[in-house]
Amino acid sequence: MSVSLNAFFATCPLGLEQLLCNELHDLGAQQLRETAAGVSFSGDDALMQRVCLMSRLSSRLLLVTARAEITDAAELYEAAAAVAWEQWWDGRGSFAVSFEGVSPALKSPVFCAQKIKDALCDRLRGKYGRRPDVDLSHPDVKLYGHLRGGRTLNFVLLVAEMIPAVAVPLSSPRGLPMA
């Protein structure tokens, strides 16, 4: 029986990418690739849980749910509607979509985030008979769209936000506040 591998991206503070890469390798990650402020890698659900529980360097763990090549708003909507969001989320609770990247035809990240939101709502309404709630301030589920090179779109689901051990402030002797 073969275990399916997911694509992940773990974020970290700049300059800690190599340390994070080594940590993820030790946790069992495969196909590791360092980038600015993070490491992309693949692994199964058990690895995802280990990273969430044991990583001392990662600040966020993101699951890459799909990739698509797009050129305009219609293709953006179609690509987002084709993602099997219900595989990871049943539409209960609230969500928010953020988007980064631009292209000649897709100049507004806010517009792009709204197109993804519309496609996701339409798909989940068709699947479950209800429209998920949108909450931009305190969503239960965070989704991201990243447009790279003006054509390659990555859909990403936030799995966890962690507090890296290296970011925890040190206390002074006897617990006195640090100056």
Foldseek 3Di string as FASTA:
>chain_A
DDADKFKKKFFFAFPCQVVQQVVLVVLPWAPWDGDGRIIITMDGPVSVVCCQPPAQTTFFMKTFQDKFWDQALVVLLVRLLPGPVCVPDLLEWEEFEFEDDAAPHRHDRVVSRVSSLVSVQVNNCVVPVHGHHYDPPDTPWYWYWYDPPNTMITIMTTDDGDDRNVNDDDADPPRDHDD
